[in-house]
Amino acid sequence: MEIKKGQIVKSVAGHDKGFFYVALEVNNGYALIADGKHRKIEKPKKKSLKHLKPANTVVESDIRTNKELRNVLSGFNAGDVFES
């Protein structure tokens, strides 16, 4: 499955392994990801697509604040939901 902008992804490698993020942008084999807590929208992490596993959920592109991003990911990082 291809990772798209706005898609929820799970990190499968690195120190953030197991955490969920939203792909803010996807370019040239990399994605800029943020979760609103450890990685803010203002300073997303650049991560290789091969280190991310996409979920079947795509969020709306109108998320503007870190609080909205945290609310979207709250069920995923709590372990309640994972659609793969």
C-alpha atoms as a PDB file:
ATOM      1  CA  MET A   1       0.000   0.000   0.000  1.00  0.00           C
ATOM      2  CA  GLU A   2       1.292   3.428  -0.922  1.00  0.00           C
ATOM      3  CA  ILE A   3       1.558   6.137   1.720  1.00  0.00           C
ATOM      4  CA  LYS A   4      -0.320   9.338   0.888  1.00  0.00           C
ATOM      5  CA  LYS A   5      -0.489  12.800   2.402  1.00  0.00           C
ATOM      6  CA  GLY A   6      -2.791  12.794   5.429  1.00  0.00           C
ATOM      7  CA  GLN A   7      -2.511   9.058   6.037  1.00  0.00           C
ATOM      8  CA  ILE A   8      -1.939   7.657   9.497  1.00  0.00           C
ATOM      9  CA  VAL A   9       1.282   5.641   9.628  1.00  0.00           C
ATOM     10  CA  LYS A  10       3.029   3.479  12.215  1.00  0.00           C
ATOM     11  CA  SER A  11       6.780   3.695  12.695  1.00  0.00           C
ATOM     12  CA  VAL A  12       8.355   0.235  12.364  1.00  0.00           C
ATOM     13  CA  ALA A  13      12.018   1.222  12.877  1.00  0.00           C
ATOM     14  CA  GLY A  14      14.004   3.665  14.955  1.00  0.00           C
ATOM     15  CA  HIS A  15      13.625   5.052  18.460  1.00  0.00           C
ATOM     16  CA  ASP A  16       9.975   5.900  17.722  1.00  0.00           C
ATOM     17  CA  LYS A  17       9.112   2.321  16.735  1.00  0.00           C
ATOM     18  CA  GLY A  18       5.488   1.460  17.477  1.00  0.00           C
ATOM     19  CA  PHE A  19       4.131   5.017  17.547  1.00  0.00           C
ATOM     20  CA  PHE A  20       1.561   6.442  15.161  1.00  0.00           C
ATOM     21  CA  TYR A  21       1.956   9.639  13.154  1.00  0.00           C
ATOM     22  CA  VAL A  22       0.246  11.514  10.340  1.00  0.00           C
ATOM     23  CA  ALA A  23       2.124  11.886   7.057  1.00  0.00           C
ATOM     24  CA  LEU A  24       2.065  15.628   6.415  1.00  0.00           C
ATOM     25  CA  GLU A  25       3.942  15.403   3.127  1.00  0.00           C
ATOM     26  CA  VAL A  26       5.384  12.599   0.964  1.00  0.00           C
ATOM     27  CA  ASN A  27       8.298  13.200  -1.437  1.00  0.00           C
ATOM     28  CA  ASN A  28      11.137  11.180  -3.000  1.00  0.00           C
ATOM     29  CA  GLY A  29      10.917   8.128  -0.747  1.00  0.00           C
ATOM     30  CA  TYR A  30      10.497  10.139   2.468  1.00  0.00           C
ATOM     31  CA  ALA A  31       7.585  11.379   4.518  1.00  0.00           C
ATOM     32  CA  LEU A  32       7.364  14.305   6.910  1.00  0.00           C
ATOM     33  CA  ILE A  33       5.520  12.962   9.957  1.00  0.00           C
ATOM     34  CA  ALA A  34       4.122  14.558  13.110  1.00  0.00           C
ATOM     35  CA  ASP A  35       2.059  13.467  16.094  1.00  0.00           C
ATOM     36  CA  GLY A  36       1.370  16.816  17.755  1.00  0.00           C
ATOM     37  CA  LYS A  37       3.155  15.859  20.978  1.00  0.00           C
ATOM     38  CA  HIS A  38       6.735  14.693  20.437  1.00  0.00           C
ATOM     39  CA  ARG A  39       6.862  15.891  16.840  1.00  0.00           C
ATOM     40  CA  LYS A  40       4.962  19.116  16.299  1.00  0.00           C
ATOM     41  CA  ILE A  41       3.455  20.280  13.015  1.00  0.00           C
ATOM     42  CA  GLU A  42       5.966  23.148  12.989  1.00  0.00           C
ATOM     43  CA  LYS A  43       8.943  20.733  13.072  1.00  0.00           C
ATOM     44  CA  PRO A  44       7.998  17.355  11.540  1.00  0.00           C
ATOM     45  CA  LYS A  45      10.390  14.413  11.315  1.00  0.00           C
ATOM     46  CA  LYS A  46      11.694  13.277   7.934  1.00  0.00           C
ATOM     47  CA  LYS A  47      11.431   9.483   7.824  1.00  0.00           C
ATOM     48  CA  SER A  48      12.050   6.950   5.083  1.00  0.00           C
ATOM     49  CA  LEU A  49       8.914   5.314   3.681  1.00  0.00           C
ATOM     50  CA  LYS A  50      10.446   1.870   4.206  1.00  0.00           C
ATOM     51  CA  HIS A  51      10.371   2.546   7.971  1.00  0.00           C
ATOM     52  CA  LEU A  52       6.638   3.319   7.981  1.00  0.00           C
ATOM     53  CA  LYS A  53       3.616   1.046   7.814  1.00  0.00           C
ATOM     54  CA  PRO A  54       0.412   2.688   6.529  1.00  0.00           C
ATOM     55  CA  ALA A  55      -2.937   2.325   8.277  1.00  0.00           C
ATOM     56  CA  ASN A  56      -6.172   2.299   6.279  1.00  0.00           C
ATOM     57  CA  THR A  57      -7.153   5.680   7.706  1.00  0.00           C
ATOM     58  CA  VAL A  58      -6.622   9.007   5.951  1.00  0.00           C
ATOM     59  CA  VAL A  59      -7.375  12.162   7.931  1.00  0.00           C
ATOM     60  CA  GLU A  60      -8.830  15.339   6.543  1.00  0.00           C
ATOM     61  CA  SER A  61      -6.262  17.816   5.298  1.00  0.00           C
ATOM     62  CA  ASP A  62      -7.615  20.707   7.385  1.00  0.00           C
ATOM     63  CA  ILE A  63      -5.718  19.820  10.579  1.00  0.00           C
ATOM     64  CA  ARG A  64      -3.983  23.046  11.582  1.00  0.00           C
ATOM     65  CA  THR A  65      -3.070  22.635  15.237  1.00  0.00           C
ATOM     66  CA  ASN A  66      -1.120  20.137  17.290  1.00  0.00           C
ATOM     67  CA  LYS A  67      -4.157  19.584  19.531  1.00  0.00           C
ATOM     68  CA  GLU A  68      -6.287  18.494  16.553  1.00  0.00           C
ATOM     69  CA  LEU A  69      -3.488  16.144  15.481  1.00  0.00           C
ATOM     70  CA  ARG A  70      -3.256  14.615  18.982  1.00  0.00           C
ATOM     71  CA  ASN A  71      -7.030  14.103  19.067  1.00  0.00           C
ATOM     72  CA  VAL A  72      -6.962  12.269  15.729  1.00  0.00           C
ATOM     73  CA  LEU A  73      -4.157   9.967  16.903  1.00  0.00           C
ATOM     74  CA  SER A  74      -5.398   9.401  20.466  1.00  0.00           C
ATOM     75  CA  GLY A  75      -7.145   6.099  19.695  1.00  0.00           C
ATOM     76  CA  PHE A  76      -4.208   4.782  17.706  1.00  0.00           C
ATOM     77  CA  ASN A  77      -1.458   5.535  20.238  1.00  0.00           C
ATOM     78  CA  ALA A  78      -3.641   4.253  23.086  1.00  0.00           C
ATOM     79  CA  GLY A  79      -3.740   0.873  21.352  1.00  0.00           C
ATOM     80  CA  ASP A  80      -7.488   0.922  20.749  1.00  0.00           C
ATOM     81  CA  VAL A  81      -7.395   1.021  16.956  1.00  0.00           C
ATOM     82  CA  PHE A  82      -5.140  -0.272  14.212  1.00  0.00           C
ATOM     83  CA  GLU A  83      -6.353  -0.886  10.719  1.00  0.00           C
ATOM     84  CA  SER A  84      -3.783  -2.461   8.464  1.00  0.00           C
END
